[in-house]
Amino acid sequence: MSGYHEIATILFAFLLDMIFGDPKRLPHPVRWMGKLITVSEKFWQKKNFSPFISGSLMTISLITLAWFLTYLFLFFMHNIHSILYWISSVVIIYFSLSASSLAKEAKKVYQALNKEDINKARKVVAGLVSRDTEKLSFNEIARATVESVSENLGDGVISPLFYATVGGAPLVFCYKMINTLDSMIGYKNKRYILFGKFAAKIDDLANFIPARFAIFIIPLSSIFLGCSPLKTFKIILKFMKANPSPNAGIYEAAFAGALNIKLGGINYYNHKEVKKEIIGVGDEKISVHHIKKAINLMLISSFFSLIIFSLLIYIGFYFWPIL
């Protein structure tokens, strides 16, 4: 496909996500990935290998399978008709994006807190974060939501668009398999500390370059919220390593800087206290209105990502004959 076709592919995929969000009534490939991981885990856990080796082999095999099956499917679609190939590529990339759904779920938390329905807010935010939510206060719910929106901007928008730009639909599904593996087995608990270690590291590696794009995308986007891009950029550089994740810290620091708040602090996982470093120097006490600002920042950053990666596709195809 030409550069214009590639740009049209990610543009239409993005528009589908904005219009329809997560198609809950349709079979979703990421849900299939989750079921496949569950079945594969049972198989590999029984092997007479060390947990790390078993988990690594499972991770490599599933990532390879995701690429191969997607490539094979698109190959057959292309042999039938080039338009079917293009439509299939659009749909696959659309399934990998989640900006609209993320905004919708975060807005539910915002609405519940606005109505002072803390019990409903706790239930809704439980679908966004892995921490214990049954005792969260109003401000803690708001912080959890902002942190989730910031981190999922990477997993659900910037990284998929980056891989769609670099390698099209097959590489996007490779990324989604990596991301799903990390979300299911990339935990530092007794069961997965070794078995899921390789999956967690691969996820860190896969998000490394896209997160570095975010260092510039989010400050630029913050201009439209009346924020200082330079201040946001400085906060990113200062706090990007405060989070144990080499990538999540960038997103959290960017949102903390743009919204003039502090993120991080004490969370509870399985009733155990986990203290995270404070990210940001903002003097505003985080509250419900910051959720709305976080949603807007996420959506604006998503549009900026689309523009930037589209330009990269155009530049790449323009200079490719010269190179």
Protein backbone atom coordinates (compact mmCIF):
# COMPACT_ATOMS: atom_id res chain seq x y z
CA MET A 1 0.00 0.00 0.00
CA SER A 2 1.06 3.59 -0.60
CA GLY A 3 1.68 6.07 2.18
CA TYR A 4 -1.77 7.57 1.64
CA HIS A 5 -3.38 4.14 2.03
CA GLU A 6 -1.47 3.57 5.28
CA ILE A 7 -2.54 6.96 6.60
CA ALA A 8 -6.15 6.25 5.59
CA THR A 9 -5.96 2.91 7.41
CA ILE A 10 -5.03 4.34 10.80
CA LEU A 11 -7.31 7.36 10.26
CA PHE A 12 -10.40 5.23 9.65
CA ALA A 13 -9.46 2.87 12.50
CA PHE A 14 -9.21 5.86 14.82
CA LEU A 15 -12.55 7.24 13.63
CA LEU A 16 -14.23 3.87 14.22
CA ASP A 17 -12.91 3.88 17.78
CA MET A 18 -14.15 7.43 18.36
CA ILE A 19 -17.61 6.59 16.98
CA PHE A 20 -18.23 3.07 18.29
CA GLY A 21 -15.73 2.46 21.09
CA ASP A 22 -15.41 -1.12 22.31
CA PRO A 23 -17.95 -3.23 20.36
CA LYS A 24 -19.18 -5.32 23.27
CA ARG A 25 -21.73 -7.16 21.14
CA LEU A 26 -19.10 -8.31 18.67
CA PRO A 27 -16.43 -10.95 19.30
CA HIS A 28 -13.31 -9.04 20.32
CA PRO A 29 -9.87 -10.44 19.37
CA VAL A 30 -8.34 -9.25 22.64
CA ARG A 31 -10.86 -11.37 24.54
CA TRP A 32 -9.82 -14.32 22.36
CA MET A 33 -6.23 -13.57 23.31
CA GLY A 34 -7.19 -13.69 26.98
CA LYS A 35 -8.86 -17.09 26.57
CA LEU A 36 -5.87 -18.41 24.61
CA ILE A 37 -3.48 -17.22 27.33
CA THR A 38 -5.57 -18.97 30.00
CA VAL A 39 -5.52 -22.27 28.07
CA SER A 40 -1.82 -21.92 27.23
CA GLU A 41 -0.90 -21.20 30.83
CA LYS A 42 -2.48 -24.47 31.99
CA PHE A 43 -0.43 -26.30 29.35
CA TRP A 44 2.91 -24.62 30.07
CA GLN A 45 2.55 -24.71 33.86
CA LYS A 46 2.52 -28.52 33.63
CA LYS A 47 5.82 -28.69 31.73
CA ASN A 48 8.94 -29.88 33.53
CA PHE A 49 10.74 -26.60 32.98
CA SER A 50 11.52 -23.86 35.44
CA PRO A 51 8.65 -21.32 35.77
CA PHE A 52 10.74 -18.67 34.02
CA ILE A 53 11.52 -20.91 31.02
CA SER A 54 7.92 -22.10 30.74
CA GLY A 55 6.57 -18.56 30.89
CA SER A 56 9.14 -17.31 28.40
CA LEU A 57 8.37 -20.09 25.89
CA MET A 58 4.65 -19.47 26.25
CA THR A 59 5.12 -15.73 25.72
CA ILE A 60 7.29 -16.17 22.62
CA SER A 61 4.98 -18.75 21.07
CA LEU A 62 1.83 -16.65 21.59
CA ILE A 63 3.42 -13.45 20.25
CA THR A 64 4.64 -15.34 17.18
CA LEU A 65 1.21 -16.92 16.72
CA ALA A 66 -0.50 -13.52 16.91
CA TRP A 67 1.69 -12.14 14.13
CA PHE A 68 1.47 -15.25 11.95
CA LEU A 69 -2.32 -15.63 12.13
CA THR A 70 -2.89 -11.93 11.45
CA TYR A 71 -0.47 -11.97 8.51
CA LEU A 72 -2.07 -15.15 7.13
CA PHE A 73 -5.58 -13.71 7.45
CA LEU A 74 -4.59 -10.49 5.66
CA PHE A 75 -2.76 -12.50 2.99
CA PHE A 76 -5.96 -14.38 2.16
CA MET A 77 -8.01 -11.16 2.22
CA HIS A 78 -5.56 -9.55 -0.20
CA ASN A 79 -5.80 -12.52 -2.55
CA ILE A 80 -9.58 -12.13 -2.61
CA HIS A 81 -9.54 -8.35 -3.12
CA SER A 82 -7.32 -5.43 -2.13
CA ILE A 83 -10.34 -3.58 -0.67
CA LEU A 84 -11.06 -6.52 1.65
CA TYR A 85 -7.42 -6.41 2.74
CA TRP A 86 -7.67 -2.70 3.53
CA ILE A 87 -10.97 -3.05 5.41
CA SER A 88 -9.56 -5.96 7.43
CA SER A 89 -6.48 -3.90 8.35
CA VAL A 90 -8.70 -1.02 9.46
CA VAL A 91 -10.83 -3.28 11.65
CA ILE A 92 -7.82 -4.99 13.25
CA ILE A 93 -6.23 -1.66 14.18
CA TYR A 94 -9.62 -0.38 15.37
CA PHE A 95 -9.89 -3.33 17.75
CA SER A 96 -6.51 -2.38 19.23
CA LEU A 97 -7.55 1.18 20.13
CA SER A 98 -9.44 2.12 23.28
CA ALA A 99 -9.48 5.91 23.61
CA SER A 100 -13.27 6.15 23.36
CA SER A 101 -13.93 3.30 25.81
CA LEU A 102 -11.37 4.67 28.27
CA ALA A 103 -13.03 8.08 28.16
CA LYS A 104 -16.46 6.48 28.64
CA GLU A 105 -15.42 4.44 31.69
CA ALA A 106 -13.58 7.36 33.30
CA LYS A 107 -16.63 9.56 32.69
CA LYS A 108 -18.77 7.04 34.62
CA VAL A 109 -16.50 7.54 37.64
CA TYR A 110 -16.71 11.31 37.18
CA GLN A 111 -20.52 11.21 37.07
CA ALA A 112 -20.76 8.96 40.14
CA LEU A 113 -18.49 11.24 42.16
CA ASN A 114 -20.40 14.30 40.96
CA LYS A 115 -23.55 12.72 42.37
CA GLU A 116 -21.62 11.84 45.56
CA ASP A 117 -22.38 8.16 44.96
CA ILE A 118 -19.08 6.86 46.32
CA ASN A 119 -20.13 3.21 46.33
CA LYS A 120 -20.92 3.29 42.61
CA ALA A 121 -17.69 5.19 41.94
CA ARG A 122 -15.72 2.49 43.77
CA LYS A 123 -17.36 -0.24 41.68
CA VAL A 124 -16.72 1.56 38.40
CA VAL A 125 -13.10 2.45 39.16
CA ALA A 126 -12.48 -1.20 40.06
CA GLY A 127 -12.78 -1.92 36.34
CA LEU A 128 -10.00 0.55 35.58
CA VAL A 129 -7.39 -0.32 38.22
CA SER A 130 -6.00 -3.44 39.88
CA ARG A 131 -5.73 -1.94 43.38
CA ASP A 132 -8.28 -2.52 46.16
CA THR A 133 -11.09 -0.02 45.73
CA GLU A 134 -13.68 -0.90 48.39
CA LYS A 135 -12.35 1.68 50.91
CA LEU A 136 -11.12 4.45 48.61
CA SER A 137 -12.09 8.02 49.51
CA PHE A 138 -13.41 10.56 46.97
CA ASN A 139 -9.93 11.97 46.36
CA GLU A 140 -8.33 8.52 46.14
CA ILE A 141 -10.90 7.45 43.55
CA ALA A 142 -10.14 10.59 41.54
CA ARG A 143 -6.40 9.89 41.75
CA ALA A 144 -6.85 6.25 40.72
CA THR A 145 -8.93 7.32 37.72
CA VAL A 146 -6.43 9.95 36.56
CA GLU A 147 -3.56 7.46 36.91
CA SER A 148 -5.49 4.86 34.93
CA VAL A 149 -6.36 7.32 32.16
CA SER A 150 -2.74 8.44 31.90
CA GLU A 151 -1.27 4.93 31.73
CA ASN A 152 -3.92 3.58 29.36
CA LEU A 153 -3.25 6.41 26.95
CA GLY A 154 -0.06 4.50 26.21
CA ASP A 155 -1.45 0.95 26.10
CA GLY A 156 -4.67 1.88 24.33
CA VAL A 157 -3.68 4.63 21.92
CA ILE A 158 -0.07 5.75 21.47
CA SER A 159 1.58 2.33 21.37
CA PRO A 160 -0.99 0.72 19.02
CA LEU A 161 -0.79 3.72 16.65
CA PHE A 162 3.00 3.52 16.74
CA TYR A 163 3.03 -0.16 15.80
CA ALA A 164 0.36 0.37 13.15
CA THR A 165 2.71 2.98 11.68
CA VAL A 166 5.79 0.77 11.84
CA GLY A 167 4.39 -2.63 10.84
CA GLY A 168 0.69 -2.44 10.10
CA ALA A 169 -2.02 -4.68 11.49
CA PRO A 170 0.15 -7.81 12.13
CA LEU A 171 2.54 -5.85 14.35
CA VAL A 172 -0.38 -4.20 16.14
CA PHE A 173 -1.76 -7.61 17.09
CA CYS A 174 1.72 -8.67 18.25
CA TYR A 175 1.67 -5.66 20.55
CA LYS A 176 -1.84 -6.41 21.83
CA MET A 177 -0.79 -9.98 22.63
CA ILE A 178 2.24 -8.64 24.54
CA ASN A 179 0.04 -6.17 26.39
CA THR A 180 -2.58 -8.81 27.24
CA LEU A 181 0.08 -11.23 28.45
CA ASP A 182 1.48 -8.56 30.76
CA SER A 183 -1.98 -7.72 32.13
CA MET A 184 -2.69 -11.39 32.87
CA ILE A 185 0.63 -12.89 34.01
CA GLY A 186 2.99 -9.93 34.49
CA TYR A 187 2.46 -9.72 38.24
CA LYS A 188 5.09 -9.83 40.98
CA ASN A 189 3.23 -12.32 43.14
CA LYS A 190 4.06 -15.89 44.11
CA ARG A 191 2.31 -17.40 41.10
CA TYR A 192 3.75 -15.14 38.40
CA ILE A 193 6.99 -13.64 39.76
CA LEU A 194 9.01 -16.02 37.58
CA PHE A 195 6.41 -17.36 35.13
CA GLY A 196 5.36 -13.87 34.00
CA LYS A 197 8.74 -12.13 34.30
CA PHE A 198 9.61 -12.41 30.60
CA ALA A 199 6.16 -11.17 29.53
CA ALA A 200 6.51 -8.13 31.81
CA LYS A 201 9.96 -7.32 30.43
CA ILE A 202 8.77 -7.68 26.82
CA ASP A 203 5.88 -5.33 27.59
CA ASP A 204 8.30 -2.76 29.02
CA LEU A 205 10.42 -3.07 25.87
CA ALA A 206 7.43 -2.84 23.52
CA ASN A 207 6.21 0.37 25.16
CA PHE A 208 9.65 1.98 25.48
CA ILE A 209 9.79 3.90 22.18
CA PRO A 210 6.09 4.91 22.07
CA ALA A 211 6.39 6.29 25.61
CA ARG A 212 9.27 8.51 24.47
CA PHE A 213 6.96 9.99 21.84
CA ALA A 214 4.56 10.78 24.70
CA ILE A 215 7.24 13.00 26.29
CA PHE A 216 6.51 15.49 23.51
CA ILE A 217 2.92 14.63 22.56
CA ILE A 218 1.34 15.22 25.98
CA PRO A 219 2.99 18.61 26.69
CA LEU A 220 1.92 19.83 23.23
CA SER A 221 -1.61 18.59 23.89
CA SER A 222 -1.71 20.31 27.28
CA ILE A 223 -1.65 23.69 25.52
CA PHE A 224 -5.30 23.16 24.58
CA LEU A 225 -6.17 22.89 28.28
CA GLY A 226 -4.48 26.19 29.03
CA CYS A 227 -1.47 24.47 30.59
CA SER A 228 2.21 25.27 30.21
CA PRO A 229 3.87 22.71 27.90
CA LEU A 230 7.30 23.69 29.21
CA LYS A 231 6.25 23.06 32.82
CA THR A 232 4.71 19.72 31.85
CA PHE A 233 7.89 18.75 30.00
CA LYS A 234 10.05 19.65 33.02
CA ILE A 235 7.84 17.57 35.34
CA ILE A 236 8.19 14.61 32.99
CA LEU A 237 11.97 14.82 33.02
CA LYS A 238 12.05 15.18 36.80
CA PHE A 239 9.63 12.38 37.72
CA MET A 240 9.62 9.94 34.77
CA LYS A 241 11.77 7.47 36.75
CA ALA A 242 9.74 7.72 39.95
CA ASN A 243 7.49 4.86 38.87
CA PRO A 244 9.08 1.35 38.83
CA SER A 245 7.82 1.00 35.26
CA PRO A 246 10.19 2.61 32.73
CA ASN A 247 7.16 3.82 30.76
CA ALA A 248 4.20 4.40 33.11
CA GLY A 249 6.18 7.08 34.95
CA ILE A 250 6.29 9.19 31.80
CA TYR A 251 2.52 9.21 31.41
CA GLU A 252 1.82 9.81 35.10
CA ALA A 253 4.39 12.61 35.30
CA ALA A 254 2.98 14.24 32.16
CA PHE A 255 -0.57 14.25 33.54
CA ALA A 256 0.62 15.39 36.97
CA GLY A 257 2.47 18.29 35.38
CA ALA A 258 -0.33 19.30 33.02
CA LEU A 259 -3.05 19.09 35.70
CA ASN A 260 -0.89 20.66 38.45
CA ILE A 261 -1.43 17.72 40.83
CA LYS A 262 0.49 14.98 42.61
CA LEU A 263 0.04 11.31 41.74
CA GLY A 264 1.36 8.18 43.44
CA GLY A 265 1.30 7.54 47.17
CA ILE A 266 -0.21 4.68 49.17
CA ASN A 267 -2.30 2.00 47.43
CA TYR A 268 -3.56 -1.37 48.61
CA TYR A 269 -3.26 -4.56 46.58
CA ASN A 270 -4.88 -7.71 48.01
CA HIS A 271 -5.14 -5.84 51.33
CA LYS A 272 -1.39 -5.17 51.41
CA GLU A 273 -0.08 -1.62 51.55
CA VAL A 274 2.16 -0.55 48.68
CA LYS A 275 3.76 2.88 48.91
CA LYS A 276 4.69 4.50 45.61
CA GLU A 277 6.79 7.60 45.13
CA ILE A 278 4.97 10.89 44.76
CA ILE A 279 4.94 12.14 41.17
CA GLY A 280 4.53 15.86 40.53
CA VAL A 281 4.82 19.09 42.46
CA GLY A 282 1.33 20.49 41.86
CA ASP A 283 -0.38 22.32 44.69
CA GLU A 284 -3.95 21.50 43.62
CA LYS A 285 -5.74 18.89 45.72
CA ILE A 286 -6.84 16.20 43.30
CA SER A 287 -10.61 16.03 42.97
CA VAL A 288 -13.44 15.08 40.64
CA HIS A 289 -12.88 17.92 38.12
CA HIS A 290 -9.37 16.60 37.45
CA ILE A 291 -10.94 13.45 36.03
CA LYS A 292 -12.67 15.49 33.33
CA LYS A 293 -9.44 17.35 32.56
CA ALA A 294 -7.56 14.04 32.38
CA ILE A 295 -10.13 12.66 29.91
CA ASN A 296 -9.78 15.76 27.72
CA LEU A 297 -5.99 15.59 27.87
CA MET A 298 -6.08 11.92 26.89
CA LEU A 299 -8.38 12.57 23.92
CA ILE A 300 -6.37 15.56 22.68
CA SER A 301 -3.15 13.55 23.02
CA SER A 302 -4.78 10.75 21.04
CA PHE A 303 -5.56 13.14 18.17
CA PHE A 304 -2.02 14.54 18.29
CA SER A 305 -0.64 11.00 18.14
CA LEU A 306 -2.73 10.29 15.06
CA ILE A 307 -1.43 13.43 13.35
CA ILE A 308 2.21 12.80 14.27
CA PHE A 309 2.24 9.15 13.20
CA SER A 310 0.40 10.00 9.98
CA LEU A 311 3.12 12.57 9.23
CA LEU A 312 5.78 9.97 9.93
CA ILE A 313 4.14 7.59 7.44
CA TYR A 314 4.03 10.36 4.82
CA ILE A 315 7.65 11.38 5.41
CA GLY A 316 8.76 7.74 5.36
CA PHE A 317 7.13 7.04 2.00
CA TYR A 318 8.33 10.35 0.58
CA PHE A 319 12.00 9.71 1.43
CA TRP A 320 11.97 5.91 0.89
CA PRO A 321 12.71 6.14 -2.88
CA ILE A 322 15.65 8.46 -2.14
CA LEU A 323 17.07 6.10 0.50
